[in-house]
Amino acid sequence: MTATPDVTHILHNWAQASDDARGQVVSAMYEELRSNARNHLRKEHRMNELQPTLLVHEAYLRLVKVSNVNISGRTHFLGLAGRIMRQILVDEARRSKAGKRDRALQTHLTGEYASDTPAVHDIIELSELLDSLEEVDPLYVQVFEARAFAGMTFEECASALDISVSSVKRKWKITVAWLEERSKE
C-alpha cells in the first residue's frame, strides 16, 4: 500500500499530530495491519479469543497514544505496529497462561520467511528471548519484529532501519539461529 501525502505528512510529524490525525493514519493502513495480524494469528497452535480484528483494534488504541516518537515513514510505522502487536500477544498469552497453567500460547511465524524461522515458540518465551537479545544488540530484535510481526520484506526492513538488505538478511539469519539455539536450552 502506498501512503497518501496526508498520511505521509502525519507520519513524519507523528509526535506533534493529534490523536485524531494518528487515528486517520491507522485507519488508512487498517487493512495492511489486519492482514499482518491475520497472518500471524493464523498459525496459532490453539485457538484463542484474540482475533485479527481485535488485535488490530487493540494495536490502534495503543498506536494513537504513542506520541513520543518521530516516525520516518510507512515501514517505520509498520515496525512500530509490529512491536505493539508483539506486546499485545505477550499480554494475551500471559493472561491466558495465568488461567491455564498447563497450556501456553504457541505461535508459528508466518509469511514468506516461515520456513527459515524457529519452528514453534511459546510467545512469552519468544518475547523473553527477544528481550535478552535486545540487551546485546537491539537492531537484531528490530529486524526480527519487522519481519515476523510487521510482515515486512527484507527490502522494507532495510529501508525502515536504514541499513543494507544484505545486513538485514545476515541479522535475520543470525537472530533465527540464536533463537533456535536458546529455545532448546
C-alpha atoms as a PDB file:
ATOM      1  CA  MET A   1       0.000   0.000   0.000  1.00  0.00           C
ATOM      2  CA  THR A   2       1.368   3.405  -0.901  1.00  0.00           C
ATOM      3  CA  ALA A   3       0.772   6.056   1.700  1.00  0.00           C
ATOM      4  CA  THR A   4      -1.080   9.167   0.573  1.00  0.00           C
ATOM      5  CA  PRO A   5       0.650  12.538   1.017  1.00  0.00           C
ATOM      6  CA  ASP A   6      -1.570  13.363   4.046  1.00  0.00           C
ATOM      7  CA  VAL A   7      -0.683  10.072   5.712  1.00  0.00           C
ATOM      8  CA  THR A   8       2.987  10.597   4.919  1.00  0.00           C
ATOM      9  CA  HIS A   9       2.839  14.108   6.384  1.00  0.00           C
ATOM     10  CA  ILE A  10       1.182  12.836   9.573  1.00  0.00           C
ATOM     11  CA  LEU A  11       3.724  10.022   9.872  1.00  0.00           C
ATOM     12  CA  HIS A  12       6.623  12.468   9.579  1.00  0.00           C
ATOM     13  CA  ASN A  13       5.005  14.698  12.212  1.00  0.00           C
ATOM     14  CA  TRP A  14       3.684  11.899  14.441  1.00  0.00           C
ATOM     15  CA  ALA A  15       4.936  13.382  17.709  1.00  0.00           C
ATOM     16  CA  GLN A  16       3.118  16.664  17.058  1.00  0.00           C
ATOM     17  CA  ALA A  17      -0.007  15.138  15.451  1.00  0.00           C
ATOM     18  CA  SER A  18      -3.309  14.981  17.295  1.00  0.00           C
ATOM     19  CA  ASP A  19      -4.856  11.683  18.352  1.00  0.00           C
ATOM     20  CA  ASP A  20      -7.402  12.190  15.554  1.00  0.00           C
ATOM     21  CA  ALA A  21      -4.658  12.589  12.947  1.00  0.00           C
ATOM     22  CA  ARG A  22      -2.879   9.482  14.256  1.00  0.00           C
ATOM     23  CA  GLY A  23      -6.195   7.658  14.084  1.00  0.00           C
ATOM     24  CA  GLN A  24      -6.530   8.640  10.420  1.00  0.00           C
ATOM     25  CA  VAL A  25      -3.157   7.032   9.685  1.00  0.00           C
ATOM     26  CA  VAL A  26      -4.099   3.824  11.450  1.00  0.00           C
ATOM     27  CA  SER A  27      -7.442   3.805   9.606  1.00  0.00           C
ATOM     28  CA  ALA A  28      -5.722   4.349   6.257  1.00  0.00           C
ATOM     29  CA  MET A  29      -3.371   1.449   6.964  1.00  0.00           C
ATOM     30  CA  TYR A  30      -6.012  -0.709   8.677  1.00  0.00           C
ATOM     31  CA  GLU A  31      -6.225  -3.415   6.010  1.00  0.00           C
ATOM     32  CA  GLU A  32      -2.446  -3.857   5.920  1.00  0.00           C
ATOM     33  CA  LEU A  33      -2.308  -4.068   9.714  1.00  0.00           C
ATOM     34  CA  ARG A  34      -5.227  -6.517   9.756  1.00  0.00           C
ATOM     35  CA  SER A  35      -3.542  -8.664   7.109  1.00  0.00           C
ATOM     36  CA  ASN A  36      -0.353  -8.782   9.207  1.00  0.00           C
ATOM     37  CA  ALA A  37      -2.379  -9.698  12.298  1.00  0.00           C
ATOM     38  CA  ARG A  38      -4.361 -12.356  10.416  1.00  0.00           C
ATOM     39  CA  ASN A  39      -1.170 -13.903   9.015  1.00  0.00           C
ATOM     40  CA  HIS A  40       0.393 -14.047  12.446  1.00  0.00           C
ATOM     41  CA  LEU A  41      -2.647 -15.415  14.248  1.00  0.00           C
ATOM     42  CA  ARG A  42      -3.448 -17.953  11.504  1.00  0.00           C
ATOM     43  CA  LYS A  43      -0.620 -20.156  12.745  1.00  0.00           C
ATOM     44  CA  GLU A  44      -1.606 -20.137  16.399  1.00  0.00           C
ATOM     45  CA  HIS A  45      -1.149 -23.571  17.936  1.00  0.00           C
ATOM     46  CA  ARG A  46      -4.567 -23.372  19.518  1.00  0.00           C
ATOM     47  CA  MET A  47      -7.493 -21.046  19.046  1.00  0.00           C
ATOM     48  CA  ASN A  48      -7.911 -18.203  21.485  1.00  0.00           C
ATOM     49  CA  GLU A  49     -10.183 -15.191  21.834  1.00  0.00           C
ATOM     50  CA  LEU A  50      -7.720 -12.875  20.123  1.00  0.00           C
ATOM     51  CA  GLN A  51      -8.876 -12.457  16.526  1.00  0.00           C
ATOM     52  CA  PRO A  52      -7.113 -10.291  13.900  1.00  0.00           C
ATOM     53  CA  THR A  53      -9.693  -7.510  14.178  1.00  0.00           C
ATOM     54  CA  LEU A  54      -9.365  -7.407  17.953  1.00  0.00           C
ATOM     55  CA  LEU A  55      -5.556  -7.433  17.707  1.00  0.00           C
ATOM     56  CA  VAL A  56      -5.603  -4.511  15.255  1.00  0.00           C
ATOM     57  CA  HIS A  57      -8.126  -2.577  17.349  1.00  0.00           C
ATOM     58  CA  GLU A  58      -6.006  -3.032  20.461  1.00  0.00           C
ATOM     59  CA  ALA A  59      -2.911  -2.000  18.478  1.00  0.00           C
ATOM     60  CA  TYR A  60      -4.873   1.011  17.182  1.00  0.00           C
ATOM     61  CA  LEU A  61      -5.657   2.170  20.720  1.00  0.00           C
ATOM     62  CA  ARG A  62      -2.003   1.900  21.686  1.00  0.00           C
ATOM     63  CA  LEU A  63      -0.638   3.432  18.461  1.00  0.00           C
ATOM     64  CA  VAL A  64      -2.831   6.512  18.731  1.00  0.00           C
ATOM     65  CA  LYS A  65      -1.451   7.162  22.217  1.00  0.00           C
ATOM     66  CA  VAL A  66       2.210   6.876  21.148  1.00  0.00           C
ATOM     67  CA  SER A  67       3.328  10.470  20.925  1.00  0.00           C
ATOM     68  CA  ASN A  68       6.964  10.420  21.958  1.00  0.00           C
ATOM     69  CA  VAL A  69       8.433   9.113  18.694  1.00  0.00           C
ATOM     70  CA  ASN A  70       9.121  10.540  15.276  1.00  0.00           C
ATOM     71  CA  ILE A  71       8.108   8.159  12.518  1.00  0.00           C
ATOM     72  CA  SER A  72      10.107   8.331   9.311  1.00  0.00           C
ATOM     73  CA  GLY A  73       7.538   6.677   7.052  1.00  0.00           C
ATOM     74  CA  ARG A  74       5.296   3.723   6.313  1.00  0.00           C
ATOM     75  CA  THR A  75       7.835   1.000   7.041  1.00  0.00           C
ATOM     76  CA  HIS A  76       8.880   2.609  10.316  1.00  0.00           C
ATOM     77  CA  PHE A  77       5.194   2.838  11.272  1.00  0.00           C
ATOM     78  CA  LEU A  78       4.668  -0.850  10.437  1.00  0.00           C
ATOM     79  CA  GLY A  79       7.705  -1.728  12.557  1.00  0.00           C
ATOM     80  CA  LEU A  80       6.214   0.178  15.488  1.00  0.00           C
ATOM     81  CA  ALA A  81       2.878  -1.555  14.906  1.00  0.00           C
ATOM     82  CA  GLY A  82       4.679  -4.916  14.832  1.00  0.00           C
ATOM     83  CA  ARG A  83       6.312  -4.220  18.193  1.00  0.00           C
ATOM     84  CA  ILE A  84       2.964  -3.218  19.687  1.00  0.00           C
ATOM     85  CA  MET A  85       1.301  -6.366  18.292  1.00  0.00           C
ATOM     86  CA  ARG A  86       4.068  -8.445  19.869  1.00  0.00           C
ATOM     87  CA  GLN A  87       3.370  -6.770  23.228  1.00  0.00           C
ATOM     88  CA  ILE A  88      -0.359  -7.438  22.879  1.00  0.00           C
ATOM     89  CA  LEU A  89       0.229 -11.102  22.012  1.00  0.00           C
ATOM     90  CA  VAL A  90       2.523 -11.496  25.009  1.00  0.00           C
ATOM     91  CA  ASP A  91      -0.027  -9.808  27.282  1.00  0.00           C
ATOM     92  CA  GLU A  92      -2.754 -12.112  25.934  1.00  0.00           C
ATOM     93  CA  ALA A  93      -0.542 -15.178  26.377  1.00  0.00           C
ATOM     94  CA  ARG A  94       0.245 -14.234  29.961  1.00  0.00           C
ATOM     95  CA  ARG A  95      -3.430 -13.682  30.685  1.00  0.00           C
ATOM     96  CA  SER A  96      -4.324 -16.991  29.075  1.00  0.00           C
ATOM     97  CA  LYS A  97      -1.471 -18.816  30.761  1.00  0.00           C
ATOM     98  CA  ALA A  98      -2.470 -17.451  34.156  1.00  0.00           C
ATOM     99  CA  GLY A  99      -5.841 -19.166  33.759  1.00  0.00           C
ATOM    100  CA  LYS A 100      -4.493 -22.343  32.193  1.00  0.00           C
ATOM    101  CA  ARG A 101      -1.037 -23.003  33.564  1.00  0.00           C
ATOM    102  CA  ASP A 102      -0.690 -26.253  31.649  1.00  0.00           C
ATOM    103  CA  ARG A 103      -1.181 -24.824  28.135  1.00  0.00           C
ATOM    104  CA  ALA A 104       0.958 -21.980  26.836  1.00  0.00           C
ATOM    105  CA  LEU A 105       0.002 -19.932  23.811  1.00  0.00           C
ATOM    106  CA  GLN A 106       2.087 -21.272  20.949  1.00  0.00           C
ATOM    107  CA  THR A 107       2.866 -19.392  17.786  1.00  0.00           C
ATOM    108  CA  HIS A 108       4.422 -20.079  14.416  1.00  0.00           C
ATOM    109  CA  LEU A 109       5.957 -17.265  12.493  1.00  0.00           C
ATOM    110  CA  THR A 110       4.279 -16.712   9.175  1.00  0.00           C
ATOM    111  CA  GLY A 111       4.739 -15.337   5.717  1.00  0.00           C
ATOM    112  CA  GLU A 112       7.380 -15.901   3.096  1.00  0.00           C
ATOM    113  CA  TYR A 113      10.026 -16.425   5.771  1.00  0.00           C
ATOM    114  CA  ALA A 114       8.168 -19.126   7.718  1.00  0.00           C
ATOM    115  CA  SER A 115      10.478 -21.889   6.511  1.00  0.00           C
ATOM    116  CA  ASP A 116      13.605 -20.262   7.945  1.00  0.00           C
ATOM    117  CA  THR A 117      12.259 -19.300  11.368  1.00  0.00           C
ATOM    118  CA  PRO A 118      12.249 -21.143  14.657  1.00  0.00           C
ATOM    119  CA  ALA A 119       9.532 -23.783  14.282  1.00  0.00           C
ATOM    120  CA  VAL A 120       7.332 -23.169  17.331  1.00  0.00           C
ATOM    121  CA  HIS A 121       7.789 -20.937  20.321  1.00  0.00           C
ATOM    122  CA  ASP A 122       5.745 -20.099  23.314  1.00  0.00           C
ATOM    123  CA  ILE A 123       5.094 -16.399  22.616  1.00  0.00           C
ATOM    124  CA  ILE A 124       6.107 -15.496  26.162  1.00  0.00           C
ATOM    125  CA  GLU A 125       9.357 -17.444  25.807  1.00  0.00           C
ATOM    126  CA  LEU A 126       9.943 -15.837  22.421  1.00  0.00           C
ATOM    127  CA  SER A 127       9.420 -12.380  23.894  1.00  0.00           C
ATOM    128  CA  GLU A 128      11.789 -13.113  26.785  1.00  0.00           C
ATOM    129  CA  LEU A 129      14.425 -14.371  24.350  1.00  0.00           C
ATOM    130  CA  LEU A 130      13.997 -11.240  22.239  1.00  0.00           C
ATOM    131  CA  ASP A 131      14.323  -9.084  25.360  1.00  0.00           C
ATOM    132  CA  SER A 132      17.626 -10.765  26.237  1.00  0.00           C
ATOM    133  CA  LEU A 133      18.862 -10.398  22.652  1.00  0.00           C
ATOM    134  CA  GLU A 134      17.883  -6.737  22.730  1.00  0.00           C
ATOM    135  CA  GLU A 135      20.349  -6.226  25.591  1.00  0.00           C
ATOM    136  CA  VAL A 136      23.102  -7.493  23.274  1.00  0.00           C
ATOM    137  CA  ASP A 137      22.021  -5.633  20.124  1.00  0.00           C
ATOM    138  CA  PRO A 138      18.604  -4.003  19.642  1.00  0.00           C
ATOM    139  CA  LEU A 139      18.977  -3.990  15.846  1.00  0.00           C
ATOM    140  CA  TYR A 140      18.636  -7.793  15.695  1.00  0.00           C
ATOM    141  CA  VAL A 141      15.312  -7.548  17.531  1.00  0.00           C
ATOM    142  CA  GLN A 142      14.136  -4.703  15.308  1.00  0.00           C
ATOM    143  CA  VAL A 143      14.841  -6.814  12.215  1.00  0.00           C
ATOM    144  CA  PHE A 144      13.034  -9.787  13.738  1.00  0.00           C
ATOM    145  CA  GLU A 145       9.971  -7.760  14.789  1.00  0.00           C
ATOM    146  CA  ALA A 146       9.772  -6.051  11.421  1.00  0.00           C
ATOM    147  CA  ARG A 147       9.819  -9.396   9.599  1.00  0.00           C
ATOM    148  CA  ALA A 148       7.900 -11.633  11.997  1.00  0.00           C
ATOM    149  CA  PHE A 149       5.347  -9.250  13.476  1.00  0.00           C
ATOM    150  CA  ALA A 150       5.025  -6.437  10.931  1.00  0.00           C
ATOM    151  CA  GLY A 151       5.325  -8.686   7.866  1.00  0.00           C
ATOM    152  CA  MET A 152       7.989  -6.589   6.168  1.00  0.00           C
ATOM    153  CA  THR A 153      10.168  -7.818   3.331  1.00  0.00           C
ATOM    154  CA  PHE A 154      13.958  -7.676   3.594  1.00  0.00           C
ATOM    155  CA  GLU A 155      13.891  -4.547   1.444  1.00  0.00           C
ATOM    156  CA  GLU A 156      11.290  -2.834   3.632  1.00  0.00           C
ATOM    157  CA  CYS A 157      13.308  -3.703   6.740  1.00  0.00           C
ATOM    158  CA  ALA A 158      16.441  -2.253   5.184  1.00  0.00           C
ATOM    159  CA  SER A 159      14.606   0.956   4.331  1.00  0.00           C
ATOM    160  CA  ALA A 160      12.978   1.273   7.764  1.00  0.00           C
ATOM    161  CA  LEU A 161      16.194   0.573   9.654  1.00  0.00           C
ATOM    162  CA  ASP A 162      18.447   2.471   7.241  1.00  0.00           C
ATOM    163  CA  ILE A 163      20.791  -0.482   6.688  1.00  0.00           C
ATOM    164  CA  SER A 164      21.595  -2.599   3.647  1.00  0.00           C
ATOM    165  CA  VAL A 165      19.446  -5.514   2.531  1.00  0.00           C
ATOM    166  CA  SER A 166      22.436  -7.832   2.995  1.00  0.00           C
ATOM    167  CA  SER A 167      22.776  -6.620   6.603  1.00  0.00           C
ATOM    168  CA  VAL A 168      19.079  -7.306   7.211  1.00  0.00           C
ATOM    169  CA  LYS A 169      19.409 -10.823   5.762  1.00  0.00           C
ATOM    170  CA  ARG A 170      22.515 -11.503   7.846  1.00  0.00           C
ATOM    171  CA  LYS A 171      20.910 -10.192  11.046  1.00  0.00           C
ATOM    172  CA  TRP A 172      17.741 -12.187  10.309  1.00  0.00           C
ATOM    173  CA  LYS A 173      19.697 -15.401   9.823  1.00  0.00           C
ATOM    174  CA  ILE A 174      21.758 -14.849  12.980  1.00  0.00           C
ATOM    175  CA  THR A 175      18.665 -13.984  15.024  1.00  0.00           C
ATOM    176  CA  VAL A 176      16.773 -17.067  13.871  1.00  0.00           C
ATOM    177  CA  ALA A 177      19.765 -19.299  14.677  1.00  0.00           C
ATOM    178  CA  TRP A 178      20.213 -17.597  18.047  1.00  0.00           C
ATOM    179  CA  LEU A 179      16.521 -18.081  18.903  1.00  0.00           C
ATOM    180  CA  GLU A 180      16.626 -21.739  17.827  1.00  0.00           C
ATOM    181  CA  GLU A 181      19.660 -22.384  19.998  1.00  0.00           C
ATOM    182  CA  ARG A 182      18.296 -20.571  23.067  1.00  0.00           C
ATOM    183  CA  SER A 183      14.854 -22.184  22.789  1.00  0.00           C
ATOM    184  CA  LYS A 184      16.469 -25.612  23.159  1.00  0.00           C
ATOM    185  CA  GLU A 185      18.114 -24.699  26.467  1.00  0.00           C
END
